[in-house]
Amino acid sequence: MNRSSEGFYPAADESSTLSGVSWGAIFAGAAAAAALSLILVLLGFGLGFSAVSPWASEGVSAKALGVSTIVWLAFTQIIASGLGGYIAGRLRVKWANMHGDEVYFRDTAHGFLAWCVATLVTATLVVGSVSSIVNGGVQAGASVAGGAASAMSQAAGTAASNSNSDPYGYFVDSLLRDDRPAAVGDDAARGTVTRIFVRTLGSDGQLAAEDRIYLAQRVAQRTNLTQADAERRVDEVFAKAHKAVDDAKLAARQAADTAAKVAAWTALWMFVALLAGAFFASLAATFGGRRRDAVVYLESDAYVTTTALPPVR
């Protein structure tokens, strides 16, 4: 056998100076995986927004949308990562005179590294490109909610905004209260009643006796009801307002709890989908590496075929 001057085989001496990582193949596979992931994610967002409707009786349900999102993310990871891993394994350099187990490990590592680079690139692209689409949908929903809130505030009158900007208005009203049946404008009366309701519902939720009597007097003055009938109306209206506030708080807690659960399950399934992507990228890289090692070379002049090393099994 021919040996070099140092006593090593020429092939072994040459391979000892080369890196076992083909970064060109890795970046090529990562670029393909990132591009396909971005395309599939954008397609998924488009299908998702087209299936969602603000009307209660139309569009898919939240559960169906969540399940379809998870399935689509898993599908995206499997397809894109598999393509990137296959390209990384197929385009890497051929390692001659090397044990099959080492070749299998290197192919697996190339697929995994291609998945890592593609995941980082895709995360950056998705955050930069899809955020505008998501913000558009969120702003559309916010405009609807803002329109409803604006209508509610207009129905409540300008006194509600004044009560929010004046935290001491209730105490000022208490200081200037007059039991005499003096004529009071609608705006002033509404502002006084609103400040009483806001302070009471925002604290313990129990209407004070003096506030109840004062409100009944104002109601009796404007409706020609007796004091007893006016007090019953005050109790009924305040009970309805108290129930509306309690229902709003309950709905907010339920929405927050649902959002937390959805976020937790989404994160867990994203973790599973990413793991599946890493697995399929590594598996596809080994398949692409086997196809690379099984390639048949053609001599340029005589077109004599020579088979390369046997494929790694």
Protein backbone atom coordinates (compact mmCIF):
# COMPACT_ATOMS: atom_id res chain seq x y z
CA MET A 1 0.00 0.00 0.00
CA ASN A 2 1.10 3.54 -0.62
CA ARG A 3 1.71 5.58 2.49
CA SER A 4 2.71 9.19 2.89
CA SER A 5 5.99 10.23 4.39
CA GLU A 6 4.39 10.56 7.83
CA GLY A 7 3.18 6.96 7.74
CA PHE A 8 -0.56 7.67 7.22
CA TYR A 9 -2.80 6.70 4.36
CA PRO A 10 -3.24 9.58 1.91
CA ALA A 11 -7.08 9.46 2.15
CA ALA A 12 -6.99 9.46 5.93
CA ASP A 13 -4.41 12.25 5.96
CA GLU A 14 -6.58 14.35 3.67
CA SER A 15 -9.81 13.70 5.58
CA SER A 16 -8.18 14.69 8.87
CA THR A 17 -7.71 18.23 7.59
CA LEU A 18 -11.31 18.69 6.41
CA SER A 19 -14.30 19.69 8.47
CA GLY A 20 -17.13 17.22 8.87
CA VAL A 21 -19.70 19.99 8.38
CA SER A 22 -20.81 21.14 4.92
CA TRP A 23 -22.09 24.59 5.78
CA GLY A 24 -23.01 25.33 2.19
CA ALA A 25 -25.41 22.39 2.13
CA ILE A 26 -26.77 23.33 5.55
CA PHE A 27 -27.51 26.93 4.56
CA ALA A 28 -29.02 25.78 1.27
CA GLY A 29 -31.37 23.41 3.07
CA ALA A 30 -32.17 26.04 5.69
CA ALA A 31 -33.01 28.62 3.01
CA ALA A 32 -35.35 26.19 1.28
CA ALA A 33 -37.02 25.23 4.56
CA ALA A 34 -37.41 28.84 5.69
CA ALA A 35 -38.90 29.95 2.37
CA LEU A 36 -41.38 27.07 2.32
CA SER A 37 -42.29 27.65 5.96
CA LEU A 38 -42.97 31.32 5.31
CA ILE A 39 -45.15 30.52 2.32
CA LEU A 40 -47.15 27.88 4.20
CA VAL A 41 -47.56 30.10 7.28
CA LEU A 42 -48.85 32.98 5.15
CA LEU A 43 -51.21 30.58 3.41
CA GLY A 44 -52.42 29.35 6.79
CA PHE A 45 -53.06 32.91 7.99
CA GLY A 46 -55.00 33.65 4.84
CA LEU A 47 -57.17 30.55 5.20
CA GLY A 48 -57.68 31.24 8.89
CA PHE A 49 -58.80 34.86 8.42
CA SER A 50 -61.11 33.83 5.58
CA ALA A 51 -62.77 31.22 7.81
CA VAL A 52 -63.30 33.59 10.77
CA SER A 53 -66.41 35.75 10.92
CA PRO A 54 -67.48 38.37 13.50
CA TRP A 55 -71.04 37.06 13.29
CA ALA A 56 -71.98 34.44 15.84
CA SER A 57 -73.78 32.13 13.41
CA GLU A 58 -71.13 32.22 10.68
CA GLY A 59 -67.55 31.04 10.34
CA VAL A 60 -65.74 28.25 12.12
CA SER A 61 -65.82 27.85 15.87
CA ALA A 62 -62.90 28.77 18.10
CA LYS A 63 -62.21 25.10 18.87
CA ALA A 64 -62.16 24.12 15.20
CA LEU A 65 -59.92 27.07 14.40
CA GLY A 66 -57.49 26.10 17.16
CA VAL A 67 -57.32 22.46 16.06
CA SER A 68 -56.86 23.41 12.40
CA THR A 69 -54.11 25.86 13.36
CA ILE A 70 -52.21 23.19 15.27
CA VAL A 71 -52.58 20.69 12.42
CA TRP A 72 -51.43 23.26 9.88
CA LEU A 73 -48.37 24.22 11.95
CA ALA A 74 -47.41 20.55 12.31
CA PHE A 75 -47.90 20.01 8.57
CA THR A 76 -45.79 23.07 7.82
CA GLN A 77 -42.98 21.90 10.07
CA ILE A 78 -42.95 18.38 8.64
CA ILE A 79 -42.99 19.42 4.98
CA ALA A 80 -40.61 22.38 5.22
CA SER A 81 -38.16 20.72 7.59
CA GLY A 82 -38.18 17.51 5.56
CA LEU A 83 -37.38 19.44 2.39
CA GLY A 84 -34.58 21.37 4.08
CA GLY A 85 -33.07 18.25 5.60
CA TYR A 86 -33.19 16.36 2.31
CA ILE A 87 -31.46 19.20 0.46
CA ALA A 88 -28.80 19.49 3.18
CA GLY A 89 -28.11 15.75 3.00
CA ARG A 90 -28.15 15.58 -0.78
CA LEU A 91 -25.85 18.56 -1.36
CA ARG A 92 -23.20 17.80 1.26
CA VAL A 93 -19.74 16.64 0.22
CA LYS A 94 -19.07 12.94 -0.09
CA TRP A 95 -17.07 11.43 2.76
CA ALA A 96 -14.81 8.70 1.38
CA ASN A 97 -13.30 5.84 3.39
CA MET A 98 -15.53 6.46 6.39
CA HIS A 99 -17.57 4.09 8.53
CA GLY A 100 -21.26 3.95 7.79
CA ASP A 101 -22.23 4.88 11.34
CA GLU A 102 -20.20 8.07 11.14
CA VAL A 103 -21.78 8.97 7.81
CA TYR A 104 -25.24 8.36 9.29
CA PHE A 105 -24.45 10.58 12.27
CA ARG A 106 -23.11 13.39 10.10
CA ASP A 107 -26.17 13.28 7.85
CA THR A 108 -28.42 13.45 10.90
CA ALA A 109 -26.42 16.38 12.26
CA HIS A 110 -26.63 18.18 8.92
CA GLY A 111 -30.40 17.82 8.87
CA PHE A 112 -30.68 19.02 12.45
CA LEU A 113 -28.43 22.04 11.82
CA ALA A 114 -30.41 22.94 8.71
CA TRP A 115 -33.60 22.80 10.82
CA CYS A 116 -32.00 25.03 13.48
CA VAL A 117 -30.95 27.71 11.00
CA ALA A 118 -34.30 27.55 9.19
CA THR A 119 -36.22 27.88 12.47
CA LEU A 120 -34.28 30.99 13.47
CA VAL A 121 -34.66 32.56 10.04
CA THR A 122 -38.37 31.68 9.85
CA ALA A 123 -39.02 33.14 13.29
CA THR A 124 -37.43 36.41 12.22
CA LEU A 125 -39.29 36.52 8.92
CA VAL A 126 -42.62 35.57 10.45
CA VAL A 127 -42.32 38.21 13.17
CA GLY A 128 -41.45 40.84 10.59
CA SER A 129 -43.81 39.89 7.77
CA VAL A 130 -46.86 38.39 9.44
CA SER A 131 -47.09 40.93 12.25
CA SER A 132 -48.61 43.48 9.87
CA ILE A 133 -51.27 40.98 8.81
CA VAL A 134 -52.09 40.07 12.40
CA ASN A 135 -52.14 43.74 13.41
CA GLY A 136 -54.57 44.41 10.60
CA GLY A 137 -56.96 41.78 11.90
CA VAL A 138 -56.56 42.95 15.47
CA GLN A 139 -57.15 46.57 14.48
CA ALA A 140 -60.28 45.55 12.61
CA GLY A 141 -61.63 43.85 15.71
CA ALA A 142 -60.55 46.76 17.87
CA SER A 143 -62.38 49.20 15.63
CA VAL A 144 -65.57 47.17 16.01
CA ALA A 145 -65.15 47.07 19.78
CA GLY A 146 -64.23 50.73 19.81
CA GLY A 147 -67.36 51.58 17.85
CA ALA A 148 -69.51 49.68 20.34
CA ALA A 149 -67.77 51.37 23.25
CA SER A 150 -68.24 54.78 21.62
CA ALA A 151 -71.94 54.12 21.17
CA MET A 152 -72.26 53.10 24.80
CA SER A 153 -70.45 56.21 25.99
CA GLN A 154 -72.63 58.43 23.84
CA ALA A 155 -75.73 56.77 25.24
CA ALA A 156 -74.48 57.37 28.74
CA GLY A 157 -73.91 61.05 27.98
CA THR A 158 -71.01 63.39 28.48
CA ALA A 159 -71.44 63.20 32.25
CA ALA A 160 -69.82 59.75 32.32
CA SER A 161 -66.56 61.04 30.86
CA ASN A 162 -66.63 63.99 33.22
CA SER A 163 -67.00 61.63 36.21
CA ASN A 164 -63.97 59.63 35.10
CA SER A 165 -61.86 62.76 34.75
CA ASP A 166 -63.05 64.18 38.09
CA PRO A 167 -62.43 61.66 40.91
CA TYR A 168 -63.69 64.10 43.56
CA GLY A 169 -66.94 64.96 41.79
CA TYR A 170 -68.98 62.66 44.01
CA PHE A 171 -67.77 64.37 47.18
CA VAL A 172 -68.39 67.80 45.67
CA ASP A 173 -71.93 66.76 44.82
CA SER A 174 -72.45 65.52 48.37
CA LEU A 175 -71.25 68.86 49.70
CA LEU A 176 -73.64 70.87 47.52
CA ARG A 177 -76.73 68.68 47.86
CA ASP A 178 -79.98 70.52 48.50
CA ASP A 179 -83.20 68.85 49.61
CA ARG A 180 -85.28 71.68 48.21
CA PRO A 181 -87.08 70.82 44.93
CA ALA A 182 -84.97 73.17 42.84
CA ALA A 183 -85.01 72.82 39.08
CA VAL A 184 -81.84 71.15 37.82
CA GLY A 185 -80.83 70.77 34.19
CA ASP A 186 -80.75 67.36 32.53
CA ASP A 187 -76.98 67.39 32.11
CA ALA A 188 -76.37 68.29 35.73
CA ALA A 189 -78.83 65.67 36.98
CA ARG A 190 -77.35 62.95 34.77
CA GLY A 191 -73.84 63.88 35.85
CA THR A 192 -74.74 63.64 39.52
CA VAL A 193 -76.51 60.28 39.13
CA THR A 194 -73.66 58.91 37.02
CA ARG A 195 -71.04 59.87 39.59
CA ILE A 196 -73.05 58.17 42.35
CA PHE A 197 -73.41 54.99 40.31
CA VAL A 198 -69.76 54.95 39.24
CA ARG A 199 -68.43 55.37 42.77
CA THR A 200 -70.83 52.85 44.31
CA LEU A 201 -70.39 50.15 41.67
CA GLY A 202 -66.63 50.66 41.68
CA SER A 203 -66.28 50.13 45.44
CA ASP A 204 -68.43 47.87 47.61
CA GLY A 205 -71.45 47.88 45.31
CA GLN A 206 -73.90 48.88 48.06
CA LEU A 207 -75.86 52.07 47.59
CA ALA A 208 -75.57 54.33 50.65
CA ALA A 209 -78.79 55.32 52.42
CA GLU A 210 -78.30 59.05 51.82
CA ASP A 211 -77.51 58.42 48.15
CA ARG A 212 -80.62 56.26 47.79
CA ILE A 213 -82.83 58.91 49.34
CA TYR A 214 -81.27 61.64 47.22
CA LEU A 215 -81.75 59.67 44.00
CA ALA A 216 -85.35 58.89 44.91
CA GLN A 217 -86.01 62.58 45.48
CA ARG A 218 -84.61 63.45 42.08
CA VAL A 219 -86.66 60.70 40.42
CA ALA A 220 -89.83 61.78 42.21
CA GLN A 221 -89.21 65.39 41.19
CA ARG A 222 -88.85 64.53 37.50
CA THR A 223 -91.47 61.75 37.19
CA ASN A 224 -94.19 62.84 39.63
CA LEU A 225 -93.86 59.51 41.45
CA THR A 226 -94.30 59.17 45.18
CA GLN A 227 -91.20 58.88 47.33
CA ALA A 228 -91.84 55.17 47.93
CA ASP A 229 -92.33 54.43 44.22
CA ALA A 230 -89.24 56.46 43.39
CA GLU A 231 -87.17 54.48 45.91
CA ARG A 232 -88.38 51.20 44.40
CA ARG A 233 -87.40 52.43 40.94
CA VAL A 234 -83.98 53.41 42.23
CA ASP A 235 -83.53 49.95 43.75
CA GLU A 236 -84.60 48.20 40.55
CA VAL A 237 -82.39 50.28 38.27
CA PHE A 238 -79.39 50.03 40.58
CA ALA A 239 -79.86 46.24 40.82
CA LYS A 240 -79.84 46.01 37.02
CA ALA A 241 -76.70 48.15 36.82
CA HIS A 242 -75.04 46.04 39.53
CA LYS A 243 -75.90 42.84 37.63
CA ALA A 244 -74.56 44.28 34.39
CA VAL A 245 -71.25 45.14 36.08
CA ASP A 246 -71.01 41.67 37.66
CA ASP A 247 -71.74 40.01 34.31
CA ALA A 248 -69.07 42.13 32.63
CA LYS A 249 -66.52 41.18 35.28
CA LEU A 250 -67.42 37.49 34.96
CA ALA A 251 -67.16 37.64 31.18
CA ALA A 252 -63.76 39.34 31.46
CA ARG A 253 -62.49 36.65 33.85
CA GLN A 254 -63.77 33.88 31.59
CA ALA A 255 -62.17 35.50 28.55
CA ALA A 256 -58.85 35.87 30.37
CA ASP A 257 -58.99 32.25 31.54
CA THR A 258 -59.80 31.04 28.03
CA ALA A 259 -57.00 33.14 26.54
CA ALA A 260 -54.51 31.75 29.07
CA LYS A 261 -55.53 28.16 28.29
CA VAL A 262 -55.36 28.78 24.55
CA ALA A 263 -51.90 30.34 24.89
CA ALA A 264 -50.67 27.42 27.00
CA TRP A 265 -51.99 24.76 24.63
CA THR A 266 -50.68 26.66 21.61
CA ALA A 267 -47.20 26.84 23.13
CA LEU A 268 -47.24 23.12 23.99
CA TRP A 269 -48.37 22.08 20.52
CA MET A 270 -45.86 24.43 18.94
CA PHE A 271 -43.20 22.63 20.96
CA VAL A 272 -44.45 19.29 19.64
CA ALA A 273 -44.58 20.62 16.07
CA LEU A 274 -41.01 21.94 16.29
CA LEU A 275 -39.80 18.61 17.64
CA ALA A 276 -41.52 16.86 14.74
CA GLY A 277 -39.82 19.26 12.35
CA ALA A 278 -36.39 18.53 13.85
CA PHE A 279 -37.02 14.77 13.60
CA PHE A 280 -38.18 14.86 9.99
CA ALA A 281 -35.33 17.18 9.00
CA SER A 282 -32.78 14.75 10.42
CA LEU A 283 -34.54 11.75 8.88
CA ALA A 284 -34.78 13.38 5.46
CA ALA A 285 -31.10 14.34 5.63
CA THR A 286 -30.09 10.71 6.10
CA PHE A 287 -32.24 9.74 3.12
CA GLY A 288 -30.72 12.51 1.01
CA GLY A 289 -27.22 11.48 2.13
CA ARG A 290 -27.85 7.89 1.05
CA ARG A 291 -29.00 9.08 -2.34
CA ARG A 292 -25.87 11.25 -2.54
CA ASP A 293 -23.56 8.33 -1.80
CA ALA A 294 -25.35 6.07 -4.28
CA VAL A 295 -24.79 8.44 -7.19
CA VAL A 296 -23.18 7.01 -10.38
CA TYR A 297 -20.36 9.04 -11.96
CA LEU A 298 -19.78 9.30 -15.73
CA GLU A 299 -16.31 9.80 -17.20
CA SER A 300 -16.27 12.74 -19.59
CA ASP A 301 -14.62 11.02 -22.59
CA ALA A 302 -15.38 7.34 -22.65
CA TYR A 303 -18.66 7.60 -20.70
CA VAL A 304 -17.56 4.63 -18.64
CA THR A 305 -19.72 4.30 -15.58
CA THR A 306 -18.15 3.72 -12.22
CA THR A 307 -20.24 3.21 -9.14
CA ALA A 308 -19.36 5.08 -5.97
CA LEU A 309 -19.22 3.60 -2.54
CA PRO A 310 -22.25 1.47 -1.61
CA PRO A 311 -25.11 3.40 -0.07
CA VAL A 312 -25.10 3.69 3.71
CA ARG A 313 -27.61 1.30 5.29
